[in-house]
Amino acid sequence: MKLTVAGKNKEYADGITVAQLVELENVETPQYVTVTVNDEFVESGSFAETTLKDGDTVEFLYFMGGGSATLHQYRSID
C-alpha cells in the first residue's frame, strides 16, 4: 500500500495502523505527537484502531509551547 508520510511517498503492508506507522517511522516522543490523516486529526487514544488506506497522506505534528520574549528599546546617544 502506498502512503505519503511527512511529504514522502512510501510503501507499507496493507492494514497498517497509525500506531504501527508511528513506531515504524521512529517518531520522536510519540507520546506528544499529533497525527493527521488526509488533513483530519486522529485522536491519540485511537491510533491503534485507526487503519490506514492506500493513498492516505499522514503528517506528524508537534505543538511547541513558547516562553515570553522581552523587547528592549535602544536609543543611540548622540
PDB file of N, CA and C in Angstrom:
ATOM      1  N   MET A   1       0.851  -1.171   0.000  1.00  0.00           N
ATOM      2  CA  MET A   1       0.000   0.000   0.000  1.00  0.00           C
ATOM      3  C   MET A   1       0.892   1.228   0.000  1.00  0.00           C
ATOM      4  N   LYS A   2       0.513   2.247  -0.758  1.00  0.00           N
ATOM      5  CA  LYS A   2       1.285   3.481  -0.861  1.00  0.00           C
ATOM      6  C   LYS A   2       0.680   4.558   0.038  1.00  0.00           C
ATOM      7  N   LEU A   3       1.561   5.203   0.808  1.00  0.00           N
ATOM      8  CA  LEU A   3       1.174   6.313   1.668  1.00  0.00           C
ATOM      9  C   LEU A   3       2.118   7.473   1.417  1.00  0.00           C
ATOM     10  N   THR A   4       1.640   8.672   1.682  1.00  0.00           N
ATOM     11  CA  THR A   4       2.523   9.831   1.722  1.00  0.00           C
ATOM     12  C   THR A   4       2.708  10.156   3.191  1.00  0.00           C
ATOM     13  N   VAL A   5       3.942  10.027   3.662  1.00  0.00           N
ATOM     14  CA  VAL A   5       4.250  10.224   5.084  1.00  0.00           C
ATOM     15  C   VAL A   5       5.250  11.358   5.199  1.00  0.00           C
ATOM     16  N   ALA A   6       4.832  12.412   5.871  1.00  0.00           N
ATOM     17  CA  ALA A   6       5.686  13.598   6.051  1.00  0.00           C
ATOM     18  C   ALA A   6       6.231  14.079   4.705  1.00  0.00           C
ATOM     19  N   GLY A   7       5.368  14.061   3.697  1.00  0.00           N
ATOM     20  CA  GLY A   7       5.716  14.580   2.386  1.00  0.00           C
ATOM     21  C   GLY A   7       6.463  13.630   1.481  1.00  0.00           C
ATOM     22  N   LYS A   8       6.721  12.405   1.949  1.00  0.00           N
ATOM     23  CA  LYS A   8       7.462  11.438   1.136  1.00  0.00           C
ATOM     24  C   LYS A   8       6.579  10.241   0.802  1.00  0.00           C
ATOM     25  N   ASN A   9       6.647   9.775  -0.444  1.00  0.00           N
ATOM     26  CA  ASN A   9       5.893   8.600  -0.861  1.00  0.00           C
ATOM     27  C   ASN A   9       6.606   7.351  -0.357  1.00  0.00           C
ATOM     28  N   LYS A  10       5.855   6.491   0.329  1.00  0.00           N
ATOM     29  CA  LYS A  10       6.428   5.275   0.909  1.00  0.00           C
ATOM     30  C   LYS A  10       5.459   4.127   0.735  1.00  0.00           C
ATOM     31  N   GLU A  11       5.969   2.904   0.888  1.00  0.00           N
ATOM     32  CA  GLU A  11       5.128   1.709   0.790  1.00  0.00           C
ATOM     33  C   GLU A  11       5.150   0.955   2.116  1.00  0.00           C
ATOM     34  N   TYR A  12       3.971   0.474   2.509  1.00  0.00           N
ATOM     35  CA  TYR A  12       3.793  -0.277   3.753  1.00  0.00           C
ATOM     36  C   TYR A  12       2.849  -1.443   3.485  1.00  0.00           C
ATOM     37  N   ALA A  13       2.822  -2.369   4.431  1.00  0.00           N
ATOM     38  CA  ALA A  13       1.905  -3.504   4.338  1.00  0.00           C
ATOM     39  C   ALA A  13       0.465  -3.015   4.453  1.00  0.00           C
ATOM     40  N   ASP A  14      -0.449  -3.700   3.792  1.00  0.00           N
ATOM     41  CA  ASP A  14      -1.870  -3.364   3.903  1.00  0.00           C
ATOM     42  C   ASP A  14      -2.328  -3.523   5.343  1.00  0.00           C
ATOM     43  N   GLY A  15      -3.245  -2.662   5.765  1.00  0.00           N
ATOM     44  CA  GLY A  15      -3.857  -2.783   7.079  1.00  0.00           C
ATOM     45  C   GLY A  15      -3.054  -2.206   8.225  1.00  0.00           C
ATOM     46  N   ILE A  16      -2.001  -1.442   7.928  1.00  0.00           N
ATOM     47  CA  ILE A  16      -1.195  -0.843   8.980  1.00  0.00           C
ATOM     48  C   ILE A  16      -2.014   0.200   9.727  1.00  0.00           C
ATOM     49  N   THR A  17      -1.791   0.286  11.028  1.00  0.00           N
ATOM     50  CA  THR A  17      -2.489   1.280  11.846  1.00  0.00           C
ATOM     51  C   THR A  17      -1.601   2.497  12.054  1.00  0.00           C
ATOM     52  N   VAL A  18      -2.199   3.570  12.533  1.00  0.00           N
ATOM     53  CA  VAL A  18      -1.431   4.771  12.847  1.00  0.00           C
ATOM     54  C   VAL A  18      -0.381   4.447  13.909  1.00  0.00           C
ATOM     55  N   ALA A  19      -0.744   3.669  14.926  1.00  0.00           N
ATOM     56  CA  ALA A  19       0.206   3.300  15.982  1.00  0.00           C
ATOM     57  C   ALA A  19       1.399   2.556  15.404  1.00  0.00           C
ATOM     58  N   GLN A  20       1.159   1.635  14.494  1.00  0.00           N
ATOM     59  CA  GLN A  20       2.256   0.889  13.869  1.00  0.00           C
ATOM     60  C   GLN A  20       3.130   1.815  13.029  1.00  0.00           C
ATOM     61  N   LEU A  21       2.507   2.743  12.316  1.00  0.00           N
ATOM     62  CA  LEU A  21       3.263   3.680  11.494  1.00  0.00           C
ATOM     63  C   LEU A  21       4.148   4.573  12.365  1.00  0.00           C
ATOM     64  N   VAL A  22       3.617   5.055  13.465  1.00  0.00           N
ATOM     65  CA  VAL A  22       4.400   5.878  14.394  1.00  0.00           C
ATOM     66  C   VAL A  22       5.643   5.107  14.839  1.00  0.00           C
ATOM     67  N   GLU A  23       5.475   3.843  15.139  1.00  0.00           N
ATOM     68  CA  GLU A  23       6.608   3.016  15.560  1.00  0.00           C
ATOM     69  C   GLU A  23       7.588   2.787  14.410  1.00  0.00           C
ATOM     70  N   LEU A  24       7.081   2.409  13.233  1.00  0.00           N
ATOM     71  CA  LEU A  24       7.945   2.145  12.087  1.00  0.00           C
ATOM     72  C   LEU A  24       8.727   3.375  11.642  1.00  0.00           C
ATOM     73  N   GLU A  25       8.129   4.543  11.795  1.00  0.00           N
ATOM     74  CA  GLU A  25       8.772   5.792  11.389  1.00  0.00           C
ATOM     75  C   GLU A  25       9.692   6.356  12.479  1.00  0.00           C
ATOM     76  N   ASN A  26       9.813   5.632  13.598  1.00  0.00           N
ATOM     77  CA  ASN A  26      10.675   6.074  14.705  1.00  0.00           C
ATOM     78  C   ASN A  26      10.394   7.517  15.104  1.00  0.00           C
ATOM     79  N   VAL A  27       9.112   7.826  15.272  1.00  0.00           N
ATOM     80  CA  VAL A  27       8.702   9.177  15.631  1.00  0.00           C
ATOM     81  C   VAL A  27       9.253   9.526  17.011  1.00  0.00           C
ATOM     82  N   GLU A  28       9.928  10.669  17.081  1.00  0.00           N
ATOM     83  CA  GLU A  28      10.460  11.127  18.363  1.00  0.00           C
ATOM     84  C   GLU A  28       9.319  11.515  19.286  1.00  0.00           C
ATOM     85  N   THR A  29       9.473  11.223  20.538  1.00  0.00           N
ATOM     86  CA  THR A  29       8.474  11.491  21.578  1.00  0.00           C
ATOM     87  C   THR A  29       7.046  11.192  21.095  1.00  0.00           C
ATOM     88  N   PRO A  30       6.774   9.915  20.784  1.00  0.00           N
ATOM     89  CA  PRO A  30       5.450   9.564  20.252  1.00  0.00           C
ATOM     90  C   PRO A  30       4.297   9.924  21.189  1.00  0.00           C
ATOM     91  N   GLN A  31       4.576  10.041  22.464  1.00  0.00           N
ATOM     92  CA  GLN A  31       3.511  10.402  23.401  1.00  0.00           C
ATOM     93  C   GLN A  31       3.046  11.848  23.218  1.00  0.00           C
ATOM     94  N   TYR A  32       3.837  12.657  22.518  1.00  0.00           N
ATOM     95  CA  TYR A  32       3.483  14.062  22.313  1.00  0.00           C
ATOM     96  C   TYR A  32       3.119  14.397  20.869  1.00  0.00           C
ATOM     97  N   VAL A  33       3.158  13.409  19.980  1.00  0.00           N
ATOM     98  CA  VAL A  33       2.896  13.697  18.575  1.00  0.00           C
ATOM     99  C   VAL A  33       1.396  13.781  18.307  1.00  0.00           C
ATOM    100  N   THR A  34       1.044  14.660  17.399  1.00  0.00           N
ATOM    101  CA  THR A  34      -0.312  14.746  16.878  1.00  0.00           C
ATOM    102  C   THR A  34      -0.242  14.256  15.438  1.00  0.00           C
ATOM    103  N   VAL A  35      -1.204  13.443  15.045  1.00  0.00           N
ATOM    104  CA  VAL A  35      -1.189  12.854  13.707  1.00  0.00           C
ATOM    105  C   VAL A  35      -2.408  13.318  12.934  1.00  0.00           C
ATOM    106  N   THR A  36      -2.170  13.666  11.667  1.00  0.00           N
ATOM    107  CA  THR A  36      -3.293  13.924  10.768  1.00  0.00           C
ATOM    108  C   THR A  36      -3.242  12.897   9.644  1.00  0.00           C
ATOM    109  N   VAL A  37      -4.411  12.455   9.236  1.00  0.00           N
ATOM    110  CA  VAL A  37      -4.555  11.583   8.079  1.00  0.00           C
ATOM    111  C   VAL A  37      -5.491  12.308   7.125  1.00  0.00           C
ATOM    112  N   ASN A  38      -4.990  12.625   5.955  1.00  0.00           N
ATOM    113  CA  ASN A  38      -5.769  13.376   4.962  1.00  0.00           C
ATOM    114  C   ASN A  38      -6.321  14.672   5.552  1.00  0.00           C
ATOM    115  N   ASP A  39      -5.458  15.373   6.306  1.00  0.00           N
ATOM    116  CA  ASP A  39      -5.771  16.668   6.932  1.00  0.00           C
ATOM    117  C   ASP A  39      -6.817  16.585   8.041  1.00  0.00           C
ATOM    118  N   GLU A  40      -7.113  15.385   8.537  1.00  0.00           N
ATOM    119  CA  GLU A  40      -8.044  15.208   9.654  1.00  0.00           C
ATOM    120  C   GLU A  40      -7.245  14.734  10.864  1.00  0.00           C
ATOM    121  N   PHE A  41      -7.449  15.371  12.018  1.00  0.00           N
ATOM    122  CA  PHE A  41      -6.750  14.964  13.232  1.00  0.00           C
ATOM    123  C   PHE A  41      -7.239  13.595  13.701  1.00  0.00           C
ATOM    124  N   VAL A  42      -6.292  12.778  14.161  1.00  0.00           N
ATOM    125  CA  VAL A  42      -6.609  11.461  14.723  1.00  0.00           C
ATOM    126  C   VAL A  42      -6.387  11.550  16.220  1.00  0.00           C
ATOM    127  N   GLU A  43      -7.395  11.179  17.007  1.00  0.00           N
ATOM    128  CA  GLU A  43      -7.269  11.200  18.460  1.00  0.00           C
ATOM    129  C   GLU A  43      -6.170  10.237  18.891  1.00  0.00           C
ATOM    130  N   SER A  44      -5.297  10.668  19.794  1.00  0.00           N
ATOM    131  CA  SER A  44      -4.176   9.820  20.199  1.00  0.00           C
ATOM    132  C   SER A  44      -4.643   8.497  20.797  1.00  0.00           C
ATOM    133  N   GLY A  45      -5.781   8.480  21.430  1.00  0.00           N
ATOM    134  CA  GLY A  45      -6.315   7.252  22.002  1.00  0.00           C
ATOM    135  C   GLY A  45      -6.816   6.265  20.966  1.00  0.00           C
ATOM    136  N   SER A  46      -6.920   6.685  19.718  1.00  0.00           N
ATOM    137  CA  SER A  46      -7.424   5.783  18.684  1.00  0.00           C
ATOM    138  C   SER A  46      -6.369   5.424  17.633  1.00  0.00           C
ATOM    139  N   PHE A  47      -5.088   5.711  17.922  1.00  0.00           N
ATOM    140  CA  PHE A  47      -4.026   5.367  16.976  1.00  0.00           C
ATOM    141  C   PHE A  47      -4.035   3.875  16.651  1.00  0.00           C
ATOM    142  N   ALA A  48      -4.234   3.030  17.667  1.00  0.00           N
ATOM    143  CA  ALA A  48      -4.180   1.575  17.466  1.00  0.00           C
ATOM    144  C   ALA A  48      -5.360   1.053  16.658  1.00  0.00           C
ATOM    145  N   GLU A  49      -6.471   1.773  16.661  1.00  0.00           N
ATOM    146  CA  GLU A  49      -7.667   1.327  15.949  1.00  0.00           C
ATOM    147  C   GLU A  49      -7.844   1.994  14.590  1.00  0.00           C
ATOM    148  N   THR A  50      -7.014   2.981  14.291  1.00  0.00           N
ATOM    149  CA  THR A  50      -7.160   3.715  13.032  1.00  0.00           C
ATOM    150  C   THR A  50      -6.292   3.058  11.964  1.00  0.00           C
ATOM    151  N   THR A  51      -6.958   2.403  11.019  1.00  0.00           N
ATOM    152  CA  THR A  51      -6.267   1.698   9.934  1.00  0.00           C
ATOM    153  C   THR A  51      -6.114   2.633   8.750  1.00  0.00           C
ATOM    154  N   LEU A  52      -4.921   2.649   8.193  1.00  0.00           N
ATOM    155  CA  LEU A  52      -4.649   3.500   7.046  1.00  0.00           C
ATOM    156  C   LEU A  52      -5.023   2.789   5.752  1.00  0.00           C
ATOM    157  N   LYS A  53      -5.339   3.595   4.737  1.00  0.00           N
ATOM    158  CA  LYS A  53      -5.739   3.056   3.434  1.00  0.00           C
ATOM    159  C   LYS A  53      -4.771   3.528   2.357  1.00  0.00           C
ATOM    160  N   ASP A  54      -4.708   2.773   1.288  1.00  0.00           N
ATOM    161  CA  ASP A  54      -3.866   3.120   0.164  1.00  0.00           C
ATOM    162  C   ASP A  54      -4.165   4.546  -0.282  1.00  0.00           C
ATOM    163  N   GLY A  55      -3.109   5.340  -0.442  1.00  0.00           N
ATOM    164  CA  GLY A  55      -3.269   6.712  -0.905  1.00  0.00           C
ATOM    165  C   GLY A  55      -3.403   7.745   0.199  1.00  0.00           C
ATOM    166  N   ASP A  56      -3.480   7.304   1.460  1.00  0.00           N
ATOM    167  CA  ASP A  56      -3.606   8.260   2.568  1.00  0.00           C
ATOM    168  C   ASP A  56      -2.360   9.128   2.680  1.00  0.00           C
ATOM    169  N   THR A  57      -2.568  10.338   3.192  1.00  0.00           N
ATOM    170  CA  THR A  57      -1.481  11.268   3.479  1.00  0.00           C
ATOM    171  C   THR A  57      -1.422  11.455   4.994  1.00  0.00           C
ATOM    172  N   VAL A  58      -0.255  11.173   5.566  1.00  0.00           N
ATOM    173  CA  VAL A  58      -0.083  11.211   7.016  1.00  0.00           C
ATOM    174  C   VAL A  58       0.982  12.244   7.366  1.00  0.00           C
ATOM    175  N   GLU A  59       0.681  13.071   8.357  1.00  0.00           N
ATOM    176  CA  GLU A  59       1.639  14.057   8.857  1.00  0.00           C
ATOM    177  C   GLU A  59       1.760  13.907  10.366  1.00  0.00           C
ATOM    178  N   PHE A  60       2.972  14.106  10.874  1.00  0.00           N
ATOM    179  CA  PHE A  60       3.242  14.105  12.306  1.00  0.00           C
ATOM    180  C   PHE A  60       3.494  15.543  12.724  1.00  0.00           C
ATOM    181  N   LEU A  61       2.740  16.010  13.697  1.00  0.00           N
ATOM    182  CA  LEU A  61       2.840  17.404  14.139  1.00  0.00           C
ATOM    183  C   LEU A  61       3.217  17.468  15.612  1.00  0.00           C
ATOM    184  N   TYR A  62       4.031  18.446  15.936  1.00  0.00           N
ATOM    185  CA  TYR A  62       4.413  18.694  17.322  1.00  0.00           C
ATOM    186  C   TYR A  62       4.056  20.138  17.635  1.00  0.00           C
ATOM    187  N   PHE A  63       3.335  20.343  18.708  1.00  0.00           N
ATOM    188  CA  PHE A  63       2.988  21.694  19.112  1.00  0.00           C
ATOM    189  C   PHE A  63       3.971  22.135  20.171  1.00  0.00           C
ATOM    190  N   MET A  64       4.621  23.240  19.900  1.00  0.00           N
ATOM    191  CA  MET A  64       5.649  23.743  20.791  1.00  0.00           C
ATOM    192  C   MET A  64       5.104  24.913  21.590  1.00  0.00           C
ATOM    193  N   GLY A  65       5.341  24.861  22.869  1.00  0.00           N
ATOM    194  CA  GLY A  65       4.996  25.994  23.720  1.00  0.00           C
ATOM    195  C   GLY A  65       6.138  26.983  23.686  1.00  0.00           C
ATOM    196  N   GLY A  66       5.827  28.207  23.867  1.00  0.00           N
ATOM    197  CA  GLY A  66       6.882  29.207  23.832  1.00  0.00           C
ATOM    198  C   GLY A  66       6.922  29.999  25.119  1.00  0.00           C
ATOM    199  N   GLY A  67       8.038  30.579  25.355  1.00  0.00           N
ATOM    200  CA  GLY A  67       8.184  31.460  26.509  1.00  0.00           C
ATOM    201  C   GLY A  67       7.809  32.860  26.102  1.00  0.00           C
ATOM    202  N   SER A  68       8.034  33.761  26.979  1.00  0.00           N
ATOM    203  CA  SER A  68       7.740  35.151  26.646  1.00  0.00           C
ATOM    204  C   SER A  68       9.031  35.832  26.231  1.00  0.00           C
ATOM    205  N   ALA A  69       8.903  36.742  25.354  1.00  0.00           N
ATOM    206  CA  ALA A  69      10.061  37.495  24.886  1.00  0.00           C
ATOM    207  C   ALA A  69       9.942  38.922  25.386  1.00  0.00           C
ATOM    208  N   THR A  70      11.061  39.473  25.744  1.00  0.00           N
ATOM    209  CA  THR A  70      11.073  40.861  26.183  1.00  0.00           C
ATOM    210  C   THR A  70      11.760  41.686  25.118  1.00  0.00           C
ATOM    211  N   LEU A  71      11.104  42.714  24.716  1.00  0.00           N
ATOM    212  CA  LEU A  71      11.694  43.608  23.723  1.00  0.00           C
ATOM    213  C   LEU A  71      12.368  44.753  24.445  1.00  0.00           C
ATOM    214  N   HIS A  72      13.591  44.977  24.082  1.00  0.00           N
ATOM    215  CA  HIS A  72      14.340  46.095  24.656  1.00  0.00           C
ATOM    216  C   HIS A  72      14.432  47.191  23.616  1.00  0.00           C
ATOM    217  N   GLN A  73      14.218  48.400  24.068  1.00  0.00           N
ATOM    218  CA  GLN A  73      14.309  49.524  23.154  1.00  0.00           C
ATOM    219  C   GLN A  73      15.647  50.231  23.405  1.00  0.00           C
ATOM    220  N   TYR A  74      16.389  50.381  22.351  1.00  0.00           N
ATOM    221  CA  TYR A  74      17.699  51.003  22.472  1.00  0.00           C
ATOM    222  C   TYR A  74      17.648  52.382  21.841  1.00  0.00           C
ATOM    223  N   ARG A  75      18.340  53.330  22.519  1.00  0.00           N
ATOM    224  CA  ARG A  75      18.445  54.669  21.962  1.00  0.00           C
ATOM    225  C   ARG A  75      19.922  54.957  21.721  1.00  0.00           C
ATOM    226  N   SER A  76      20.166  55.575  20.642  1.00  0.00           N
ATOM    227  CA  SER A  76      21.549  55.970  20.416  1.00  0.00           C
ATOM    228  C   SER A  76      21.800  57.299  21.149  1.00  0.00           C
ATOM    229  N   ILE A  77      22.977  57.396  21.687  1.00  0.00           N
ATOM    230  CA  ILE A  77      23.324  58.631  22.408  1.00  0.00           C
ATOM    231  C   ILE A  77      24.206  59.453  21.484  1.00  0.00           C
ATOM    232  N   ASP A  78      23.729  60.621  21.140  1.00  0.00           N
ATOM    233  CA  ASP A  78      24.470  61.491  20.217  1.00  0.00           C
ATOM    234  C   ASP A  78      25.115  62.608  20.960  1.00  0.00           C
TER     235      ASP A  78
END
